[in-house]
Protein backbone atom coordinates (compact mmCIF):
# COMPACT_ATOMS: atom_id res chain seq x y z
CA MET A 1 22.69 -37.35 29.94
CA ILE A 2 21.24 -33.87 30.46
CA PRO A 3 21.63 -32.63 34.06
CA GLU A 4 18.32 -32.39 35.89
CA GLY A 5 16.84 -28.91 35.82
CA ARG A 6 18.68 -27.84 32.66
CA PRO A 7 16.39 -27.19 29.64
CA ARG A 8 16.67 -29.74 26.87
CA PRO A 9 18.04 -28.43 23.55
CA ILE A 10 15.49 -27.99 20.78
CA PRO A 11 16.16 -30.23 17.73
CA GLY A 12 17.19 -28.29 14.61
CA ARG A 13 14.03 -29.12 12.65
CA LEU A 14 11.77 -28.17 15.55
CA LEU A 15 13.70 -24.94 16.07
CA ALA A 16 13.14 -24.02 12.43
CA LEU A 17 9.41 -24.62 12.87
CA VAL A 18 9.38 -22.43 15.98
CA ILE A 19 11.10 -19.59 14.10
CA LEU A 20 8.72 -19.98 11.16
CA SER A 21 5.69 -19.93 13.45
CA GLY A 22 6.96 -16.65 14.87
CA PHE A 23 6.80 -15.10 11.42
CA LEU A 24 3.31 -16.51 10.86
CA LEU A 25 2.05 -15.22 14.20
CA PHE A 26 3.52 -11.76 13.64
CA PRO A 27 3.30 -11.24 9.87
CA GLY A 28 3.44 -7.46 10.22
CA ALA A 29 7.00 -7.40 11.53
CA PRO A 30 8.54 -4.45 9.63
CA ALA A 31 11.82 -6.09 8.61
CA PHE A 32 10.06 -9.09 7.09
CA ALA A 33 7.34 -7.08 5.31
CA GLU A 34 9.66 -4.39 3.95
CA ARG A 35 12.24 -6.81 2.61
CA SER A 36 9.70 -8.98 0.78
CA VAL A 37 7.79 -6.05 -0.73
CA ASP A 38 10.98 -4.32 -1.85
CA ASP A 39 12.15 -7.50 -3.54
CA LEU A 40 8.82 -7.95 -5.34
CA CYS A 41 8.90 -4.36 -6.57
CA ARG A 42 12.49 -4.51 -7.78
CA MET A 43 11.74 -7.71 -9.68
CA ARG A 44 9.08 -5.77 -11.62
CA GLY A 45 11.20 -2.71 -12.34
CA ILE A 46 10.11 -0.44 -9.46
CA GLU A 47 13.44 0.55 -7.97
CA LYS A 48 13.32 4.23 -6.93
CA GLU A 49 13.53 4.55 -3.16
CA ASN A 50 10.64 7.03 -3.06
CA ASP A 51 8.40 4.59 -4.94
CA LEU A 52 9.49 1.69 -2.75
CA ALA A 53 8.77 3.72 0.38
CA ARG A 54 5.25 4.62 -0.83
CA ILE A 55 4.35 1.00 -1.61
CA ARG A 56 5.93 -0.19 1.63
CA LYS A 57 3.85 2.32 3.61
CA ALA A 58 0.60 1.33 1.85
CA TYR A 59 1.42 -2.36 2.36
CA SER A 60 2.10 -1.89 6.07
CA ALA A 61 -1.12 0.12 6.46
CA ALA A 62 -3.09 -2.73 4.88
CA ILE A 63 -1.61 -5.22 7.33
CA ALA A 64 -2.22 -2.87 10.26
CA ALA A 65 -5.87 -2.59 9.16
CA GLY A 66 -6.23 -6.36 9.50
CA ILE A 67 -5.60 -7.81 6.04
CA PRO A 68 -3.56 -10.99 6.56
CA GLU A 69 -0.16 -10.87 4.90
CA VAL A 70 -0.67 -14.41 3.62
CA GLN A 71 -3.43 -12.91 1.40
CA LEU A 72 -1.84 -9.55 0.75
CA GLN A 73 1.61 -10.56 -0.45
CA PRO A 74 0.43 -12.85 -3.32
CA PHE A 75 -2.04 -10.13 -4.34
CA VAL A 76 0.72 -7.51 -4.53
CA GLU A 77 2.84 -9.92 -6.53
CA ASP A 78 -0.06 -10.41 -8.97
CA ILE A 79 -0.68 -6.71 -9.54
CA LEU A 80 3.03 -6.04 -9.98
CA LEU A 81 3.09 -8.83 -12.56
CA HIS A 82 0.29 -6.98 -14.37
CA LYS A 83 2.65 -3.99 -14.57
CA LEU A 84 0.79 -1.55 -12.38
CA ASP A 85 3.06 1.40 -11.65
CA CYS A 86 3.83 2.72 -8.16
CA SER A 87 0.83 5.08 -7.91
CA GLN A 88 -1.55 2.39 -9.19
CA VAL A 89 -0.26 -0.21 -6.74
CA VAL A 90 -0.59 2.27 -3.88
CA ARG A 91 -4.15 3.20 -4.87
CA VAL A 92 -5.30 -0.44 -5.05
CA LEU A 93 -3.76 -1.08 -1.63
CA GLU A 94 -5.44 2.04 -0.22
CA VAL A 95 -8.82 0.93 -1.58
CA SER A 96 -8.42 -2.50 0.05
CA THR A 97 -7.31 -0.93 3.33
CA GLU A 98 -10.23 1.50 3.41
CA LEU A 99 -12.71 -1.34 2.86
CA ARG A 100 -11.11 -3.39 5.65
CA ARG A 101 -11.27 -0.44 8.05
CA LYS A 102 -14.96 0.02 7.26
CA GLY A 103 -15.65 -3.66 7.91
CA LEU A 104 -16.52 -4.20 4.25
CA PRO A 105 -15.45 -7.22 2.15
CA TYR A 106 -12.03 -6.08 0.89
CA PHE A 107 -11.42 -9.47 -0.73
CA VAL A 108 -13.95 -8.53 -3.41
CA VAL A 109 -11.45 -5.95 -4.67
CA PHE A 110 -8.81 -8.67 -4.85
CA SER A 111 -11.17 -10.75 -7.01
CA LYS A 112 -12.21 -7.76 -9.13
CA VAL A 113 -8.62 -6.77 -9.85
CA ARG A 114 -7.59 -10.33 -10.69
CA GLU A 115 -10.62 -10.67 -12.96
CA GLY A 116 -9.48 -7.58 -14.86
CA MET A 117 -6.00 -9.00 -15.15
CA VAL A 118 -7.32 -12.28 -16.60
CA LYS A 119 -9.27 -10.24 -19.14
CA GLU A 120 -6.05 -8.34 -19.92
CA ALA A 121 -7.57 -5.00 -18.98
CA SER A 122 -5.15 -2.09 -18.84
CA PRO A 123 -3.66 -1.21 -15.43
CA ALA A 124 -5.65 2.05 -15.44
CA LEU A 125 -8.93 0.15 -15.93
CA VAL A 126 -7.98 -2.32 -13.19
CA VAL A 127 -7.53 0.56 -10.74
CA GLU A 128 -10.81 2.16 -11.87
CA ALA A 129 -12.62 -1.14 -11.22
CA ALA A 130 -11.17 -1.29 -7.71
CA GLU A 131 -12.22 2.28 -6.96
CA ALA A 132 -15.70 1.68 -8.39
CA LYS A 133 -16.09 -1.30 -6.05
CA LEU A 134 -15.03 0.84 -3.11
CA ASN A 135 -17.70 3.39 -4.03
CA SER A 136 -20.52 0.86 -4.43
CA LEU A 137 -19.62 -0.98 -1.23
CA SER A 138 -19.35 2.29 0.71
CA ALA A 139 -22.79 3.29 -0.59
CA SER A 140 -24.07 -0.15 0.51
CA ARG A 141 -22.77 0.50 4.00
CA ASP A 142 -24.69 3.79 4.13
CA VAL A 143 -27.87 1.97 3.04
CA LEU A 144 -27.46 -0.63 5.78
CA GLU A 145 -26.90 2.05 8.41
CA SER A 146 -30.06 3.85 7.25
CA LEU A 147 -32.05 0.61 7.37
CA LYS A 148 -30.89 0.05 10.96
CA THR A 149 -32.36 3.41 11.97
CA MET A 150 -35.64 2.28 10.39
CA GLY A 151 -35.79 -0.78 12.62
CA TYR A 152 -34.25 -3.34 10.28
CA ARG A 153 -31.85 -5.93 11.61
CA VAL A 154 -28.72 -6.74 9.59
CA ARG A 155 -27.94 -10.40 10.13
CA ASP A 156 -25.08 -10.71 7.63
CA PHE A 157 -23.42 -7.35 7.12
CA GLN A 158 -20.72 -8.30 4.61
CA ASN A 159 -22.93 -10.37 2.31
CA ALA A 160 -25.70 -7.79 2.54
CA ALA A 161 -23.20 -5.12 1.48
CA LEU A 162 -22.16 -7.28 -1.46
CA VAL A 163 -25.75 -7.80 -2.58
CA LEU A 164 -26.55 -4.10 -2.26
CA SER A 165 -23.43 -3.15 -4.19
CA SER A 166 -24.65 -5.27 -7.10
CA TYR A 167 -27.96 -3.35 -7.10
CA ILE A 168 -26.10 -0.04 -6.95
CA GLU A 169 -23.87 -1.07 -9.84
CA LYS A 170 -27.03 -1.77 -11.86
CA GLY A 171 -28.11 1.86 -11.48
CA TYR A 172 -29.97 2.13 -8.18
CA THR A 173 -28.86 4.85 -5.80
CA GLY A 174 -28.49 4.32 -2.07
CA PRO A 175 -31.27 6.78 -1.12
CA ASP A 176 -33.58 5.20 -3.72
CA ILE A 177 -33.06 1.74 -2.21
CA VAL A 178 -33.74 3.07 1.29
CA THR A 179 -36.92 4.83 0.17
CA ARG A 180 -38.23 1.79 -1.73
CA ILE A 181 -37.59 -0.57 1.18
CA GLY A 182 -39.09 1.90 3.65
CA THR A 183 -42.25 2.11 1.56
CA LYS A 184 -42.72 -1.46 0.36
CA GLY A 185 -40.43 -3.63 2.44
CA ILE A 186 -37.53 -5.67 1.12
CA GLN A 187 -39.47 -8.15 -0.99
CA GLY A 188 -42.14 -5.70 -2.03
CA ALA A 189 -39.46 -3.35 -3.34
CA GLY A 190 -37.92 -6.12 -5.41
CA PHE A 191 -34.74 -6.63 -3.36
CA THR A 192 -35.45 -10.26 -2.53
CA ALA A 193 -31.74 -11.17 -2.64
CA LEU A 194 -31.44 -9.33 0.69
CA SER A 195 -33.93 -11.65 2.37
CA GLY A 196 -32.34 -13.58 5.19
CA MET A 197 -29.52 -11.06 5.47
CA VAL A 198 -31.68 -8.11 6.48
CA ASP A 199 -35.09 -8.30 8.11
CA LYS A 200 -37.47 -6.32 10.25
CA PRO A 201 -38.42 -8.10 13.48
CA VAL A 202 -42.17 -8.44 13.96
CA ARG A 203 -43.32 -6.56 17.02
CA ARG A 204 -45.43 -8.54 19.41
CA LYS A 205 -48.83 -7.08 20.08
CA GLU A 206 -49.29 -5.82 23.60
CA ARG A 207 -51.98 -7.68 25.52
C-alpha cells in the first residue's frame, strides 16, 4: 500500500513515454540536436570539428527559425547521403532557414533538393536549384507586398508565393507581373492561377 499523500511511482513504460515526449516537445535542445547531427555527418565522412560546428550551427538556426526537427533531421540525412560537402549542406540549410524566416514555403526547397537527388543531379546543381528557388520565392514575396499597396488582398500567402514563383521561373520579372496586374487585373493579365489566392475587394458605391 502507498501511504496517503505520497505520489505514486510512474510505471517504467509510462516513464519512458514521458521522457520521449519531452524530447518531442523541445526538439531544439542543444545536446540532442548536436549529437544526432554530428553522428549523421560522421557517418558520411564529414569529421573535421570545424565542419561539424558549421553544420551544427546552421542546423540549430533552422530549428530556431521554426522548422520542425522531425522534418529537418531526415532532410539533412538525405542530403548527406547524396554526398553534399560541408559548405553545400550549410548553404541548403541557410536557404531553408531564410525562407522560413520570411514566412515563405521552405518545404518546397526540401522537395526541390530531393527531386534533384532522385534525378542523380550533382551536389553543385542541387544547391543551385535550392538557391534558385529562394530567389524566385523572394521575388514572389516582393510582388505580393506590392500588390497589397495597390489594394489587393492576399488570402493565401504561401500558395500565392508558390504560384508566382512558377511564373517568375518561366521568365516573368516581379515588376513586370506587378505592372501587368495593375493595368489589366489578375485574370486580364493572364495570371488566372492566382485567382482565389489574391483578389481586389469591390468597393461599395457611396449612396
